[in-house]
Protein backbone atom coordinates (compact mmCIF):
# COMPACT_ATOMS: atom_id res chain seq x y z
CA UNK A 1 92.46 -17.21 32.35
CA UNK A 2 92.23 -13.84 34.04
CA UNK A 3 90.11 -11.08 32.56
CA UNK A 4 90.95 -7.43 33.11
CA UNK A 5 88.94 -4.31 32.46
CA UNK A 6 91.24 -1.49 31.47
CA UNK A 7 90.61 1.67 29.49
CA UNK A 8 93.33 3.84 28.04
CA UNK A 9 93.35 7.51 28.96
CA UNK A 10 93.18 10.19 26.27
CA UNK A 11 96.86 10.95 26.92
CA UNK A 12 97.85 7.29 26.47
CA UNK A 13 95.88 7.11 23.23
CA UNK A 14 97.53 10.33 22.00
CA UNK A 15 100.93 8.76 22.79
CA UNK A 16 100.07 5.76 20.63
CA UNK A 17 99.65 3.27 23.47
CA UNK A 18 97.49 0.24 22.68
CA UNK A 19 95.75 -2.30 24.89
CA UNK A 20 97.89 -4.97 23.22
CA UNK A 21 101.04 -3.27 24.51
CA UNK A 22 99.60 -3.09 28.03
CA UNK A 23 98.56 -6.76 27.88
CA UNK A 24 102.06 -7.75 26.72
CA UNK A 25 103.78 -5.91 29.59
CA UNK A 26 101.33 -6.71 32.39
CA UNK A 27 102.64 -10.25 33.09
CA UNK A 28 106.14 -8.77 33.43
CA UNK A 29 105.06 -6.35 36.19
CA UNK A 30 106.37 -7.11 39.67
CA UNK A 31 103.76 -6.10 42.25
CA UNK A 32 104.93 -5.83 45.86
CA UNK A 33 102.35 -4.49 48.27
CA UNK A 34 101.39 -0.99 47.17
CA UNK A 35 104.22 -0.77 44.59
CA UNK A 36 104.72 -2.07 41.10
CA UNK A 37 108.13 -2.37 39.43
CA UNK A 38 108.28 -2.16 35.63
CA UNK A 39 110.90 -2.46 32.90
CA UNK A 40 112.90 0.77 32.82
CA UNK A 41 112.80 0.83 29.02
CA UNK A 42 109.03 1.47 28.88
CA UNK A 43 107.77 4.88 27.86
CA UNK A 44 106.18 6.91 30.66
CA UNK A 45 102.73 6.60 29.08
CA UNK A 46 102.97 2.82 28.69
CA UNK A 47 104.46 2.32 32.16
CA UNK A 48 101.71 4.37 33.80
CA UNK A 49 99.05 2.44 31.91
CA UNK A 50 100.57 -0.90 32.95
CA UNK A 51 100.77 0.28 36.57
CA UNK A 52 97.11 1.32 36.48
CA UNK A 53 96.17 -2.07 35.02
CA UNK A 54 98.28 -3.97 37.58
CA UNK A 55 96.52 -2.25 40.47
CA UNK A 56 93.11 -2.05 38.82
CA UNK A 57 92.82 1.64 39.69
CA UNK A 58 93.63 5.03 38.21
CA UNK A 59 95.13 6.12 41.53
CA UNK A 60 98.84 5.55 40.88
CA UNK A 61 101.86 7.81 40.95
CA UNK A 62 105.43 7.51 39.78
CA UNK A 63 107.83 7.06 42.71
CA UNK A 64 111.18 6.84 40.96
CA UNK A 65 113.71 4.58 39.33
CA UNK A 66 115.24 1.67 41.22
CA UNK A 67 118.83 2.53 42.11
CA UNK A 68 120.21 -0.94 41.39
CA UNK A 69 117.61 -2.31 38.98
CA UNK A 70 116.66 0.62 36.77
CA UNK A 71 113.02 -0.44 37.20
CA UNK A 72 110.31 2.21 37.05
CA UNK A 73 108.47 2.21 40.37
CA UNK A 74 104.86 3.28 40.80
CA UNK A 75 102.73 3.20 43.92
CA UNK A 76 99.03 2.96 44.55
CA UNK A 77 97.66 6.11 46.21
């Protein structure tokens, strides 16, 4: 079993994001190098939190939406 340390930001908390939601989505994240691809149906707050958790850093930024997949793409900065 893998253990993660992840804290929600004040913005994520204000948007109603929970650690349970992040934990549910994290195994579905596709990490490729310095990019993570996430379900395009996630809210921006949840997607950003999952990206931060996937990389283990707060230094992420939204890159765009996959043209053919509709995935939300974030990169580590």
